[in-house]
Amino acid sequence: MTGVGKILILIGCALIVVGLIVSFFPKIPWLGKLPGDIAIKKENFSFYFPLTTCLLLSLLFSLIVKLWK
């Protein structure tokens, strides 16, 4: 099995695990409501961008990948 094949299998397994977590825990109370997440609500318009949540998840995944190697 080549290196690319192993990586694709690992990504697939990770997606399955994430899918199971999302299925069993659809609402994580703190996720998406951290300080720094941008939420703008007007009369006919709403915009939400979870900036801090994205940065935190990116840091977490980067640490996992760094520890993996």
PDB file of N, CA and C in Angstrom:
ATOM      1  N   MET A   1       0.852  -1.170   0.000  1.00  0.00           N
ATOM      2  CA  MET A   1       0.000   0.000   0.000  1.00  0.00           C
ATOM      3  C   MET A   1       0.899   1.235   0.000  1.00  0.00           C
ATOM      4  N   THR A   2       0.551   2.187  -0.831  1.00  0.00           N
ATOM      5  CA  THR A   2       1.378   3.387  -0.934  1.00  0.00           C
ATOM      6  C   THR A   2       1.050   4.365   0.180  1.00  0.00           C
ATOM      7  N   GLY A   3       1.878   5.374   0.296  1.00  0.00           N
ATOM      8  CA  GLY A   3       1.661   6.402   1.316  1.00  0.00           C
ATOM      9  C   GLY A   3       0.354   7.143   1.107  1.00  0.00           C
ATOM     10  N   VAL A   4       0.000   7.405  -0.143  1.00  0.00           N
ATOM     11  CA  VAL A   4      -1.246   8.108  -0.444  1.00  0.00           C
ATOM     12  C   VAL A   4      -2.444   7.250  -0.049  1.00  0.00           C
ATOM     13  N   GLY A   5      -2.357   5.965  -0.290  1.00  0.00           N
ATOM     14  CA  GLY A   5      -3.445   5.065   0.081  1.00  0.00           C
ATOM     15  C   GLY A   5      -3.684   5.045   1.580  1.00  0.00           C
ATOM     16  N   LYS A   6      -2.610   5.021   2.348  1.00  0.00           N
ATOM     17  CA  LYS A   6      -2.734   5.033   3.812  1.00  0.00           C
ATOM     18  C   LYS A   6      -3.357   6.338   4.294  1.00  0.00           C
ATOM     19  N   ILE A   7      -2.936   7.432   3.697  1.00  0.00           N
ATOM     20  CA  ILE A   7      -3.481   8.735   4.077  1.00  0.00           C
ATOM     21  C   ILE A   7      -4.976   8.795   3.782  1.00  0.00           C
ATOM     22  N   LEU A   8      -5.386   8.307   2.614  1.00  0.00           N
ATOM     23  CA  LEU A   8      -6.812   8.321   2.274  1.00  0.00           C
ATOM     24  C   LEU A   8      -7.625   7.438   3.218  1.00  0.00           C
ATOM     25  N   ILE A   9      -7.076   6.308   3.606  1.00  0.00           N
ATOM     26  CA  ILE A   9      -7.774   5.432   4.556  1.00  0.00           C
ATOM     27  C   ILE A   9      -7.902   6.127   5.909  1.00  0.00           C
ATOM     28  N   LEU A  10      -6.849   6.784   6.368  1.00  0.00           N
ATOM     29  CA  LEU A  10      -6.899   7.504   7.646  1.00  0.00           C
ATOM     30  C   LEU A  10      -7.904   8.654   7.604  1.00  0.00           C
ATOM     31  N   ILE A  11      -7.936   9.379   6.496  1.00  0.00           N
ATOM     32  CA  ILE A  11      -8.905  10.469   6.356  1.00  0.00           C
ATOM     33  C   ILE A  11     -10.322   9.914   6.383  1.00  0.00           C
ATOM     34  N   GLY A  12     -10.540   8.795   5.703  1.00  0.00           N
ATOM     35  CA  GLY A  12     -11.855   8.159   5.714  1.00  0.00           C
ATOM     36  C   GLY A  12     -12.275   7.718   7.108  1.00  0.00           C
ATOM     37  N   CYS A  13     -11.351   7.123   7.840  1.00  0.00           N
ATOM     38  CA  CYS A  13     -11.652   6.707   9.228  1.00  0.00           C
ATOM     39  C   CYS A  13     -11.942   7.918  10.109  1.00  0.00           C
ATOM     40  N   ALA A  14     -11.175   8.978   9.925  1.00  0.00           N
ATOM     41  CA  ALA A  14     -11.404  10.198  10.707  1.00  0.00           C
ATOM     42  C   ALA A  14     -12.778  10.783  10.400  1.00  0.00           C
ATOM     43  N   LEU A  15     -13.184  10.766   9.136  1.00  0.00           N
ATOM     44  CA  LEU A  15     -14.507  11.269   8.770  1.00  0.00           C
ATOM     45  C   LEU A  15     -15.618  10.420   9.378  1.00  0.00           C
ATOM     46  N   ILE A  16     -15.412   9.122   9.440  1.00  0.00           N
ATOM     47  CA  ILE A  16     -16.402   8.245  10.073  1.00  0.00           C
ATOM     48  C   ILE A  16     -16.525   8.574  11.553  1.00  0.00           C
ATOM     49  N   VAL A  17     -15.398   8.755  12.221  1.00  0.00           N
ATOM     50  CA  VAL A  17     -15.417   9.087  13.649  1.00  0.00           C
ATOM     51  C   VAL A  17     -16.115  10.433  13.876  1.00  0.00           C
ATOM     52  N   VAL A  18     -15.783  11.422  13.066  1.00  0.00           N
ATOM     53  CA  VAL A  18     -16.425  12.738  13.198  1.00  0.00           C
ATOM     54  C   VAL A  18     -17.924  12.623  12.932  1.00  0.00           C
ATOM     55  N   GLY A  19     -18.310  11.842  11.939  1.00  0.00           N
ATOM     56  CA  GLY A  19     -19.727  11.631  11.650  1.00  0.00           C
ATOM     57  C   GLY A  19     -20.460  10.985  12.802  1.00  0.00           C
ATOM     58  N   LEU A  20     -19.845  10.009  13.452  1.00  0.00           N
ATOM     59  CA  LEU A  20     -20.464   9.368  14.608  1.00  0.00           C
ATOM     60  C   LEU A  20     -20.600  10.339  15.777  1.00  0.00           C
ATOM     61  N   ILE A  21     -19.587  11.148  15.995  1.00  0.00           N
ATOM     62  CA  ILE A  21     -19.649  12.136  17.077  1.00  0.00           C
ATOM     63  C   ILE A  21     -20.768  13.132  16.821  1.00  0.00           C
ATOM     64  N   VAL A  22     -20.864  13.614  15.601  1.00  0.00           N
ATOM     65  CA  VAL A  22     -21.914  14.581  15.263  1.00  0.00           C
ATOM     66  C   VAL A  22     -23.296  13.938  15.363  1.00  0.00           C
ATOM     67  N   SER A  23     -23.396  12.661  15.029  1.00  0.00           N
ATOM     68  CA  SER A  23     -24.686  11.971  15.113  1.00  0.00           C
ATOM     69  C   SER A  23     -25.143  11.793  16.558  1.00  0.00           C
ATOM     70  N   PHE A  24     -24.234  11.434  17.436  1.00  0.00           N
ATOM     71  CA  PHE A  24     -24.602  11.168  18.820  1.00  0.00           C
ATOM     72  C   PHE A  24     -24.606  12.417  19.696  1.00  0.00           C
ATOM     73  N   PHE A  25     -23.829  13.419  19.332  1.00  0.00           N
ATOM     74  CA  PHE A  25     -23.772  14.673  20.079  1.00  0.00           C
ATOM     75  C   PHE A  25     -24.008  15.838  19.130  1.00  0.00           C
ATOM     76  N   PRO A  26     -25.263  16.030  18.671  1.00  0.00           N
ATOM     77  CA  PRO A  26     -25.517  17.070  17.667  1.00  0.00           C
ATOM     78  C   PRO A  26     -25.307  18.487  18.189  1.00  0.00           C
ATOM     79  N   LYS A  27     -25.463  18.679  19.475  1.00  0.00           N
ATOM     80  CA  LYS A  27     -25.280  20.017  20.036  1.00  0.00           C
ATOM     81  C   LYS A  27     -24.187  19.987  21.100  1.00  0.00           C
ATOM     82  N   ILE A  28     -23.057  20.567  20.779  1.00  0.00           N
ATOM     83  CA  ILE A  28     -21.993  20.752  21.758  1.00  0.00           C
ATOM     84  C   ILE A  28     -22.165  22.189  22.258  1.00  0.00           C
ATOM     85  N   PRO A  29     -22.492  22.388  23.530  1.00  0.00           N
ATOM     86  CA  PRO A  29     -22.948  23.702  24.010  1.00  0.00           C
ATOM     87  C   PRO A  29     -21.980  24.853  23.768  1.00  0.00           C
ATOM     88  N   TRP A  30     -20.697  24.650  23.910  1.00  0.00           N
ATOM     89  CA  TRP A  30     -19.751  25.750  23.779  1.00  0.00           C
ATOM     90  C   TRP A  30     -19.279  25.966  22.352  1.00  0.00           C
ATOM     91  N   LEU A  31     -19.462  24.983  21.502  1.00  0.00           N
ATOM     92  CA  LEU A  31     -18.946  25.067  20.134  1.00  0.00           C
ATOM     93  C   LEU A  31     -19.771  26.048  19.311  1.00  0.00           C
ATOM     94  N   GLY A  32     -19.125  27.081  18.806  1.00  0.00           N
ATOM     95  CA  GLY A  32     -19.801  28.078  17.997  1.00  0.00           C
ATOM     96  C   GLY A  32     -20.305  29.268  18.790  1.00  0.00           C
ATOM     97  N   LYS A  33     -20.074  29.277  20.075  1.00  0.00           N
ATOM     98  CA  LYS A  33     -20.536  30.397  20.900  1.00  0.00           C
ATOM     99  C   LYS A  33     -19.404  30.947  21.753  1.00  0.00           C
ATOM    100  N   LEU A  34     -18.215  30.894  21.228  1.00  0.00           N
ATOM    101  CA  LEU A  34     -17.050  31.388  21.959  1.00  0.00           C
ATOM    102  C   LEU A  34     -16.901  32.893  21.761  1.00  0.00           C
ATOM    103  N   PRO A  35     -16.228  33.568  22.680  1.00  0.00           N
ATOM    104  CA  PRO A  35     -15.937  34.989  22.467  1.00  0.00           C
ATOM    105  C   PRO A  35     -15.067  35.144  21.220  1.00  0.00           C
ATOM    106  N   GLY A  36     -15.412  36.068  20.374  1.00  0.00           N
ATOM    107  CA  GLY A  36     -14.674  36.268  19.132  1.00  0.00           C
ATOM    108  C   GLY A  36     -15.396  35.719  17.922  1.00  0.00           C
ATOM    109  N   ASP A  37     -16.437  34.934  18.131  1.00  0.00           N
ATOM    110  CA  ASP A  37     -17.269  34.479  17.024  1.00  0.00           C
ATOM    111  C   ASP A  37     -18.131  35.655  16.575  1.00  0.00           C
ATOM    112  N   ILE A  38     -18.215  35.871  15.279  1.00  0.00           N
ATOM    113  CA  ILE A  38     -18.893  37.044  14.739  1.00  0.00           C
ATOM    114  C   ILE A  38     -20.342  36.690  14.420  1.00  0.00           C
ATOM    115  N   ALA A  39     -21.258  37.453  14.998  1.00  0.00           N
ATOM    116  CA  ALA A  39     -22.687  37.268  14.729  1.00  0.00           C
ATOM    117  C   ALA A  39     -23.313  38.642  14.508  1.00  0.00           C
ATOM    118  N   ILE A  40     -23.896  38.846  13.323  1.00  0.00           N
ATOM    119  CA  ILE A  40     -24.561  40.099  12.995  1.00  0.00           C
ATOM    120  C   ILE A  40     -26.003  39.767  12.631  1.00  0.00           C
ATOM    121  N   LYS A  41     -26.937  40.379  13.329  1.00  0.00           N
ATOM    122  CA  LYS A  41     -28.355  40.148  13.056  1.00  0.00           C
ATOM    123  C   LYS A  41     -29.029  41.486  12.791  1.00  0.00           C
ATOM    124  N   LYS A  42     -29.657  41.594  11.629  1.00  0.00           N
ATOM    125  CA  LYS A  42     -30.423  42.784  11.259  1.00  0.00           C
ATOM    126  C   LYS A  42     -31.846  42.329  10.958  1.00  0.00           C
ATOM    127  N   GLU A  43     -32.667  43.214  10.440  1.00  0.00           N
ATOM    128  CA  GLU A  43     -34.067  42.888  10.183  1.00  0.00           C
ATOM    129  C   GLU A  43     -34.235  41.685   9.259  1.00  0.00           C
ATOM    130  N   ASN A  44     -33.694  41.780   8.055  1.00  0.00           N
ATOM    131  CA  ASN A  44     -33.855  40.712   7.067  1.00  0.00           C
ATOM    132  C   ASN A  44     -32.539  40.016   6.734  1.00  0.00           C
ATOM    133  N   PHE A  45     -31.588  40.130   7.622  1.00  0.00           N
ATOM    134  CA  PHE A  45     -30.253  39.619   7.313  1.00  0.00           C
ATOM    135  C   PHE A  45     -29.598  39.110   8.586  1.00  0.00           C
ATOM    136  N   SER A  46     -28.960  37.977   8.482  1.00  0.00           N
ATOM    137  CA  SER A  46     -28.152  37.493   9.604  1.00  0.00           C
ATOM    138  C   SER A  46     -26.875  36.880   9.045  1.00  0.00           C
ATOM    139  N   PHE A  47     -25.777  37.149   9.722  1.00  0.00           N
ATOM    140  CA  PHE A  47     -24.477  36.649   9.307  1.00  0.00           C
ATOM    141  C   PHE A  47     -23.786  36.088  10.533  1.00  0.00           C
ATOM    142  N   TYR A  48     -23.243  34.898  10.392  1.00  0.00           N
ATOM    143  CA  TYR A  48     -22.554  34.260  11.511  1.00  0.00           C
ATOM    144  C   TYR A  48     -21.271  33.630  11.003  1.00  0.00           C
ATOM    145  N   PHE A  49     -20.161  33.971  11.618  1.00  0.00           N
ATOM    146  CA  PHE A  49     -18.879  33.370  11.280  1.00  0.00           C
ATOM    147  C   PHE A  49     -18.155  33.007  12.567  1.00  0.00           C
ATOM    148  N   PRO A  50     -18.003  31.720  12.850  1.00  0.00           N
ATOM    149  CA  PRO A  50     -17.369  31.287  14.105  1.00  0.00           C
ATOM    150  C   PRO A  50     -15.841  31.362  14.028  1.00  0.00           C
ATOM    151  N   LEU A  51     -15.306  32.564  14.049  1.00  0.00           N
ATOM    152  CA  LEU A  51     -13.870  32.781  13.873  1.00  0.00           C
ATOM    153  C   LEU A  51     -13.044  32.093  14.958  1.00  0.00           C
ATOM    154  N   THR A  52     -13.372  32.330  16.208  1.00  0.00           N
ATOM    155  CA  THR A  52     -12.613  31.741  17.311  1.00  0.00           C
ATOM    156  C   THR A  52     -12.741  30.222  17.312  1.00  0.00           C
ATOM    157  N   THR A  53     -13.937  29.729  17.024  1.00  0.00           N
ATOM    158  CA  THR A  53     -14.144  28.286  16.969  1.00  0.00           C
ATOM    159  C   THR A  53     -13.288  27.665  15.863  1.00  0.00           C
ATOM    160  N   CYS A  54     -13.230  28.314  14.707  1.00  0.00           N
ATOM    161  CA  CYS A  54     -12.403  27.806  13.601  1.00  0.00           C
ATOM    162  C   CYS A  54     -10.921  27.780  13.990  1.00  0.00           C
ATOM    163  N   LEU A  55     -10.460  28.839  14.636  1.00  0.00           N
ATOM    164  CA  LEU A  55      -9.054  28.889  15.049  1.00  0.00           C
ATOM    165  C   LEU A  55      -8.742  27.814  16.082  1.00  0.00           C
ATOM    166  N   LEU A  56      -9.652  27.619  17.031  1.00  0.00           N
ATOM    167  CA  LEU A  56      -9.448  26.614  18.062  1.00  0.00           C
ATOM    168  C   LEU A  56      -9.422  25.201  17.471  1.00  0.00           C
ATOM    169  N   LEU A  57     -10.353  24.905  16.576  1.00  0.00           N
ATOM    170  CA  LEU A  57     -10.373  23.584  15.940  1.00  0.00           C
ATOM    171  C   LEU A  57      -9.149  23.370  15.052  1.00  0.00           C
ATOM    172  N   SER A  58      -8.718  24.411  14.362  1.00  0.00           N
ATOM    173  CA  SER A  58      -7.521  24.309  13.539  1.00  0.00           C
ATOM    174  C   SER A  58      -6.288  24.018  14.395  1.00  0.00           C
ATOM    175  N   LEU A  59      -6.182  24.693  15.518  1.00  0.00           N
ATOM    176  CA  LEU A  59      -5.069  24.445  16.437  1.00  0.00           C
ATOM    177  C   LEU A  59      -5.110  23.020  16.970  1.00  0.00           C
ATOM    178  N   LEU A  60      -6.291  22.564  17.342  1.00  0.00           N
ATOM    179  CA  LEU A  60      -6.448  21.207  17.859  1.00  0.00           C
ATOM    180  C   LEU A  60      -6.049  20.163  16.816  1.00  0.00           C
ATOM    181  N   PHE A  61      -6.546  20.313  15.588  1.00  0.00           N
ATOM    182  CA  PHE A  61      -6.204  19.362  14.533  1.00  0.00           C
ATOM    183  C   PHE A  61      -4.726  19.427  14.171  1.00  0.00           C
ATOM    184  N   SER A  62      -4.131  20.623  14.197  1.00  0.00           N
ATOM    185  CA  SER A  62      -2.699  20.753  13.915  1.00  0.00           C
ATOM    186  C   SER A  62      -1.866  20.028  14.974  1.00  0.00           C
ATOM    187  N   LEU A  63      -2.269  20.162  16.238  1.00  0.00           N
ATOM    188  CA  LEU A  63      -1.548  19.466  17.306  1.00  0.00           C
ATOM    189  C   LEU A  63      -1.678  17.955  17.170  1.00  0.00           C
ATOM    190  N   ILE A  64      -2.853  17.480  16.801  1.00  0.00           N
ATOM    191  CA  ILE A  64      -3.054  16.037  16.614  1.00  0.00           C
ATOM    192  C   ILE A  64      -2.179  15.532  15.483  1.00  0.00           C
ATOM    193  N   VAL A  65      -2.131  16.252  14.374  1.00  0.00           N
ATOM    194  CA  VAL A  65      -1.304  15.825  13.238  1.00  0.00           C
ATOM    195  C   VAL A  65       0.167  15.877  13.610  1.00  0.00           C
ATOM    196  N   LYS A  66       0.589  16.915  14.334  1.00  0.00           N
ATOM    197  CA  LYS A  66       1.994  17.027  14.723  1.00  0.00           C
ATOM    198  C   LYS A  66       2.384  15.888  15.666  1.00  0.00           C
ATOM    199  N   LEU A  67       1.506  15.542  16.596  1.00  0.00           N
ATOM    200  CA  LEU A  67       1.783  14.418  17.503  1.00  0.00           C
ATOM    201  C   LEU A  67       1.765  13.096  16.764  1.00  0.00           C
ATOM    202  N   TRP A  68       0.947  12.983  15.740  1.00  0.00           N
ATOM    203  CA  TRP A  68       0.837  11.754  14.942  1.00  0.00           C
ATOM    204  C   TRP A  68       2.156  11.461  14.253  1.00  0.00           C
ATOM    205  N   LYS A  69       2.800  12.518  13.736  1.00  0.00           N
ATOM    206  CA  LYS A  69       4.068  12.335  13.018  1.00  0.00           C
ATOM    207  C   LYS A  69       5.167  12.278  14.033  1.00  0.00           C
TER     208      LYS A  69
END
